[in-house]
Amino acid sequence: MAQPKRKNSKMRSAKRRGSKPFKTPLLAKDPADGTAHLPHRVNPSNGLYRGRQVIDVEV
């Protein structure tokens, strides 16, 4: 397996990581009760997915 010729400096690694900042996750709005949840996933507040009851959530 190929080996790096030189050690990368801490500054070089930090520059690479700093160019890709964290992004806030996109949230979908539930049409039933208006709560925000991750898209393409079950809404944890009411247990609905695409308008169907998938899991039972105790209130």
PDB file of N, CA and C in Angstrom:
ATOM      1  N   MET A   1       0.836  -1.176   0.000  1.00  0.00           N
ATOM      2  CA  MET A   1       0.000   0.000   0.000  1.00  0.00           C
ATOM      3  C   MET A   1       0.883   1.241   0.000  1.00  0.00           C
ATOM      4  N   ALA A   2       0.441   2.269  -0.693  1.00  0.00           N
ATOM      5  CA  ALA A   2       1.228   3.489  -0.806  1.00  0.00           C
ATOM      6  C   ALA A   2       1.297   4.226   0.522  1.00  0.00           C
ATOM      7  N   GLN A   3       2.428   4.807   0.798  1.00  0.00           N
ATOM      8  CA  GLN A   3       2.642   5.565   2.026  1.00  0.00           C
ATOM      9  C   GLN A   3       2.861   7.030   1.682  1.00  0.00           C
ATOM     10  N   PRO A   4       2.385   7.959   2.528  1.00  0.00           N
ATOM     11  CA  PRO A   4       2.616   9.374   2.250  1.00  0.00           C
ATOM     12  C   PRO A   4       4.097   9.720   2.366  1.00  0.00           C
ATOM     13  N   LYS A   5       4.525  10.612   1.488  1.00  0.00           N
ATOM     14  CA  LYS A   5       5.934  10.971   1.472  1.00  0.00           C
ATOM     15  C   LYS A   5       6.286  11.892   2.638  1.00  0.00           C
ATOM     16  N   ARG A   6       5.346  12.750   3.023  1.00  0.00           N
ATOM     17  CA  ARG A   6       5.581  13.693   4.112  1.00  0.00           C
ATOM     18  C   ARG A   6       4.372  13.720   5.041  1.00  0.00           C
ATOM     19  N   LYS A   7       4.606  14.178   6.265  1.00  0.00           N
ATOM     20  CA  LYS A   7       3.513  14.324   7.226  1.00  0.00           C
ATOM     21  C   LYS A   7       2.749  15.608   6.912  1.00  0.00           C
ATOM     22  N   ASN A   8       1.423  15.511   6.872  1.00  0.00           N
ATOM     23  CA  ASN A   8       0.612  16.712   6.688  1.00  0.00           C
ATOM     24  C   ASN A   8       0.609  17.512   7.980  1.00  0.00           C
ATOM     25  N   SER A   9       0.742  18.830   7.828  1.00  0.00           N
ATOM     26  CA  SER A   9       0.757  19.683   9.010  1.00  0.00           C
ATOM     27  C   SER A   9      -0.650  19.812   9.585  1.00  0.00           C
ATOM     28  N   LYS A  10      -0.708  20.246  10.838  1.00  0.00           N
ATOM     29  CA  LYS A  10      -2.001  20.461  11.497  1.00  0.00           C
ATOM     30  C   LYS A  10      -2.765  21.589  10.809  1.00  0.00           C
ATOM     31  N   MET A  11      -2.052  22.590  10.329  1.00  0.00           N
ATOM     32  CA  MET A  11      -2.679  23.720   9.650  1.00  0.00           C
ATOM     33  C   MET A  11      -3.352  23.257   8.357  1.00  0.00           C
ATOM     34  N   ARG A  12      -2.692  22.388   7.624  1.00  0.00           N
ATOM     35  CA  ARG A  12      -3.253  21.909   6.358  1.00  0.00           C
ATOM     36  C   ARG A  12      -4.529  21.093   6.605  1.00  0.00           C
ATOM     37  N   SER A  13      -4.492  20.257   7.640  1.00  0.00           N
ATOM     38  CA  SER A  13      -5.677  19.465   7.970  1.00  0.00           C
ATOM     39  C   SER A  13      -6.814  20.370   8.425  1.00  0.00           C
ATOM     40  N   ALA A  14      -6.502  21.389   9.224  1.00  0.00           N
ATOM     41  CA  ALA A  14      -7.521  22.304   9.735  1.00  0.00           C
ATOM     42  C   ALA A  14      -8.147  23.105   8.597  1.00  0.00           C
ATOM     43  N   LYS A  15      -7.350  23.498   7.610  1.00  0.00           N
ATOM     44  CA  LYS A  15      -7.889  24.236   6.460  1.00  0.00           C
ATOM     45  C   LYS A  15      -8.870  23.369   5.675  1.00  0.00           C
ATOM     46  N   ARG A  16      -8.520  22.112   5.507  1.00  0.00           N
ATOM     47  CA  ARG A  16      -9.391  21.208   4.760  1.00  0.00           C
ATOM     48  C   ARG A  16     -10.711  21.005   5.502  1.00  0.00           C
ATOM     49  N   ARG A  17     -10.633  20.803   6.808  1.00  0.00           N
ATOM     50  CA  ARG A  17     -11.853  20.588   7.594  1.00  0.00           C
ATOM     51  C   ARG A  17     -12.672  21.864   7.707  1.00  0.00           C
ATOM     52  N   GLY A  18     -12.004  23.007   7.735  1.00  0.00           N
ATOM     53  CA  GLY A  18     -12.693  24.281   7.903  1.00  0.00           C
ATOM     54  C   GLY A  18     -13.459  24.714   6.672  1.00  0.00           C
ATOM     55  N   SER A  19     -13.138  24.147   5.510  1.00  0.00           N
ATOM     56  CA  SER A  19     -13.822  24.555   4.283  1.00  0.00           C
ATOM     57  C   SER A  19     -15.190  23.894   4.146  1.00  0.00           C
ATOM     58  N   LYS A  20     -15.455  22.868   4.983  1.00  0.00           N
ATOM     59  CA  LYS A  20     -16.750  22.183   4.932  1.00  0.00           C
ATOM     60  C   LYS A  20     -17.472  22.365   6.262  1.00  0.00           C
ATOM     61  N   PRO A  21     -18.189  23.484   6.434  1.00  0.00           N
ATOM     62  CA  PRO A  21     -18.842  23.723   7.727  1.00  0.00           C
ATOM     63  C   PRO A  21     -20.050  22.810   7.928  1.00  0.00           C
ATOM     64  N   PHE A  22     -20.450  22.657   9.170  1.00  0.00           N
ATOM     65  CA  PHE A  22     -21.641  21.880   9.491  1.00  0.00           C
ATOM     66  C   PHE A  22     -22.875  22.607   8.974  1.00  0.00           C
ATOM     67  N   LYS A  23     -23.842  21.848   8.488  1.00  0.00           N
ATOM     68  CA  LYS A  23     -25.080  22.437   8.002  1.00  0.00           C
ATOM     69  C   LYS A  23     -26.222  22.006   8.911  1.00  0.00           C
ATOM     70  N   THR A  24     -27.195  22.868   9.060  1.00  0.00           N
ATOM     71  CA  THR A  24     -28.360  22.502   9.850  1.00  0.00           C
ATOM     72  C   THR A  24     -29.184  21.487   9.063  1.00  0.00           C
ATOM     73  N   PRO A  25     -29.748  20.484   9.727  1.00  0.00           N
ATOM     74  CA  PRO A  25     -30.523  19.482   8.993  1.00  0.00           C
ATOM     75  C   PRO A  25     -31.812  20.082   8.437  1.00  0.00           C
ATOM     76  N   LEU A  26     -32.196  19.611   7.255  1.00  0.00           N
ATOM     77  CA  LEU A  26     -33.448  20.061   6.656  1.00  0.00           C
ATOM     78  C   LEU A  26     -34.602  19.396   7.387  1.00  0.00           C
ATOM     79  N   LEU A  27     -35.627  20.142   7.661  1.00  0.00           N
ATOM     80  CA  LEU A  27     -36.770  19.620   8.384  1.00  0.00           C
ATOM     81  C   LEU A  27     -38.023  19.738   7.530  1.00  0.00           C
ATOM     82  N   ALA A  28     -38.878  18.728   7.629  1.00  0.00           N
ATOM     83  CA  ALA A  28     -40.161  18.738   6.932  1.00  0.00           C
ATOM     84  C   ALA A  28     -41.252  19.114   7.925  1.00  0.00           C
ATOM     85  N   LYS A  29     -42.279  19.787   7.430  1.00  0.00           N
ATOM     86  CA  LYS A  29     -43.394  20.187   8.292  1.00  0.00           C
ATOM     87  C   LYS A  29     -44.513  19.173   8.139  1.00  0.00           C
ATOM     88  N   ASP A  30     -44.992  18.643   9.252  1.00  0.00           N
ATOM     89  CA  ASP A  30     -46.074  17.661   9.232  1.00  0.00           C
ATOM     90  C   ASP A  30     -47.391  18.370   8.950  1.00  0.00           C
ATOM     91  N   PRO A  31     -48.139  17.943   7.916  1.00  0.00           N
ATOM     92  CA  PRO A  31     -49.406  18.619   7.620  1.00  0.00           C
ATOM     93  C   PRO A  31     -50.485  18.383   8.676  1.00  0.00           C
ATOM     94  N   ALA A  32     -50.375  17.300   9.446  1.00  0.00           N
ATOM     95  CA  ALA A  32     -51.399  16.998  10.441  1.00  0.00           C
ATOM     96  C   ALA A  32     -51.366  17.965  11.621  1.00  0.00           C
ATOM     97  N   ASP A  33     -50.173  18.121  12.240  1.00  0.00           N
ATOM     98  CA  ASP A  33     -50.110  18.979  13.424  1.00  0.00           C
ATOM     99  C   ASP A  33     -49.059  20.090  13.324  1.00  0.00           C
ATOM    100  N   GLY A  34     -48.330  20.175  12.221  1.00  0.00           N
ATOM    101  CA  GLY A  34     -47.401  21.280  12.007  1.00  0.00           C
ATOM    102  C   GLY A  34     -46.055  21.137  12.682  1.00  0.00           C
ATOM    103  N   THR A  35     -45.754  19.980  13.277  1.00  0.00           N
ATOM    104  CA  THR A  35     -44.458  19.802  13.915  1.00  0.00           C
ATOM    105  C   THR A  35     -43.385  19.539  12.863  1.00  0.00           C
ATOM    106  N   ALA A  36     -42.154  19.881  13.190  1.00  0.00           N
ATOM    107  CA  ALA A  36     -41.025  19.666  12.278  1.00  0.00           C
ATOM    108  C   ALA A  36     -40.365  18.334  12.595  1.00  0.00           C
ATOM    109  N   HIS A  37     -40.006  17.606  11.527  1.00  0.00           N
ATOM    110  CA  HIS A  37     -39.316  16.325  11.694  1.00  0.00           C
ATOM    111  C   HIS A  37     -38.413  16.101  10.494  1.00  0.00           C
ATOM    112  N   LEU A  38     -37.530  15.110  10.582  1.00  0.00           N
ATOM    113  CA  LEU A  38     -36.643  14.799   9.471  1.00  0.00           C
ATOM    114  C   LEU A  38     -37.459  14.210   8.317  1.00  0.00           C
ATOM    115  N   PRO A  39     -37.157  14.616   7.072  1.00  0.00           N
ATOM    116  CA  PRO A  39     -37.929  14.097   5.951  1.00  0.00           C
ATOM    117  C   PRO A  39     -37.656  12.621   5.711  1.00  0.00           C
ATOM    118  N   HIS A  40     -38.635  11.917   5.169  1.00  0.00           N
ATOM    119  CA  HIS A  40     -38.564  10.484   4.838  1.00  0.00           C
ATOM    120  C   HIS A  40     -38.382   9.625   6.073  1.00  0.00           C
ATOM    121  N   ARG A  41     -38.857  10.108   7.209  1.00  0.00           N
ATOM    122  CA  ARG A  41     -38.786   9.351   8.459  1.00  0.00           C
ATOM    123  C   ARG A  41     -40.092   9.533   9.225  1.00  0.00           C
ATOM    124  N   VAL A  42     -40.341   8.615  10.139  1.00  0.00           N
ATOM    125  CA  VAL A  42     -41.557   8.698  10.948  1.00  0.00           C
ATOM    126  C   VAL A  42     -41.466   9.907  11.863  1.00  0.00           C
ATOM    127  N   ASN A  43     -42.571  10.632  11.994  1.00  0.00           N
ATOM    128  CA  ASN A  43     -42.626  11.770  12.903  1.00  0.00           C
ATOM    129  C   ASN A  43     -42.698  11.220  14.331  1.00  0.00           C
ATOM    130  N   PRO A  44     -41.697  11.495  15.172  1.00  0.00           N
ATOM    131  CA  PRO A  44     -41.698  10.926  16.521  1.00  0.00           C
ATOM    132  C   PRO A  44     -42.774  11.498  17.433  1.00  0.00           C
ATOM    133  N   SER A  45     -43.324  12.662  17.103  1.00  0.00           N
ATOM    134  CA  SER A  45     -44.322  13.252  17.996  1.00  0.00           C
ATOM    135  C   SER A  45     -45.697  12.595  17.862  1.00  0.00           C
ATOM    136  N   ASN A  46     -46.057  12.148  16.641  1.00  0.00           N
ATOM    137  CA  ASN A  46     -47.386  11.546  16.483  1.00  0.00           C
ATOM    138  C   ASN A  46     -47.357  10.164  15.829  1.00  0.00           C
ATOM    139  N   GLY A  47     -46.203   9.694  15.343  1.00  0.00           N
ATOM    140  CA  GLY A  47     -46.090   8.349  14.778  1.00  0.00           C
ATOM    141  C   GLY A  47     -46.613   8.209  13.367  1.00  0.00           C
ATOM    142  N   LEU A  48     -46.806   9.317  12.647  1.00  0.00           N
ATOM    143  CA  LEU A  48     -47.305   9.258  11.281  1.00  0.00           C
ATOM    144  C   LEU A  48     -46.165   9.244  10.275  1.00  0.00           C
ATOM    145  N   TYR A  49     -46.370   8.508   9.185  1.00  0.00           N
ATOM    146  CA  TYR A  49     -45.455   8.531   8.050  1.00  0.00           C
ATOM    147  C   TYR A  49     -46.301   8.542   6.792  1.00  0.00           C
ATOM    148  N   ARG A  50     -46.186   9.606   5.998  1.00  0.00           N
ATOM    149  CA  ARG A  50     -46.950   9.796   4.766  1.00  0.00           C
ATOM    150  C   ARG A  50     -48.450   9.666   4.996  1.00  0.00           C
ATOM    151  N   GLY A  51     -48.921  10.203   6.116  1.00  0.00           N
ATOM    152  CA  GLY A  51     -50.343  10.226   6.410  1.00  0.00           C
ATOM    153  C   GLY A  51     -50.892   8.961   7.043  1.00  0.00           C
ATOM    154  N   ARG A  52     -50.064   7.960   7.269  1.00  0.00           N
ATOM    155  CA  ARG A  52     -50.510   6.712   7.875  1.00  0.00           C
ATOM    156  C   ARG A  52     -49.914   6.560   9.256  1.00  0.00           C
ATOM    157  N   GLN A  53     -50.681   5.975  10.175  1.00  0.00           N
ATOM    158  CA  GLN A  53     -50.190   5.708  11.523  1.00  0.00           C
ATOM    159  C   GLN A  53     -49.276   4.484  11.467  1.00  0.00           C
ATOM    160  N   VAL A  54     -47.998   4.668  11.801  1.00  0.00           N
ATOM    161  CA  VAL A  54     -47.016   3.595  11.694  1.00  0.00           C
ATOM    162  C   VAL A  54     -46.649   3.034  13.064  1.00  0.00           C
ATOM    163  N   ILE A  55     -46.444   3.931  14.026  1.00  0.00           N
ATOM    164  CA  ILE A  55     -46.115   3.481  15.384  1.00  0.00           C
ATOM    165  C   ILE A  55     -47.089   4.142  16.358  1.00  0.00           C
ATOM    166  N   ASP A  56     -47.322   3.464  17.468  1.00  0.00           N
ATOM    167  CA  ASP A  56     -48.183   4.019  18.511  1.00  0.00           C
ATOM    168  C   ASP A  56     -47.342   4.875  19.442  1.00  0.00           C
ATOM    169  N   VAL A  57     -47.761   6.116  19.638  1.00  0.00           N
ATOM    170  CA  VAL A  57     -47.041   7.057  20.499  1.00  0.00           C
ATOM    171  C   VAL A  57     -47.951   7.384  21.667  1.00  0.00           C
ATOM    172  N   GLU A  58     -47.438   7.180  22.873  1.00  0.00           N
ATOM    173  CA  GLU A  58     -48.215   7.514  24.063  1.00  0.00           C
ATOM    174  C   GLU A  58     -48.123   9.012  24.316  1.00  0.00           C
ATOM    175  N   VAL A  59     -49.262   9.610  24.572  1.00  0.00           N
ATOM    176  CA  VAL A  59     -49.317  11.062  24.770  1.00  0.00           C
ATOM    177  C   VAL A  59     -49.185  11.406  26.222  1.00  0.00           C
TER     178      VAL A  59
END
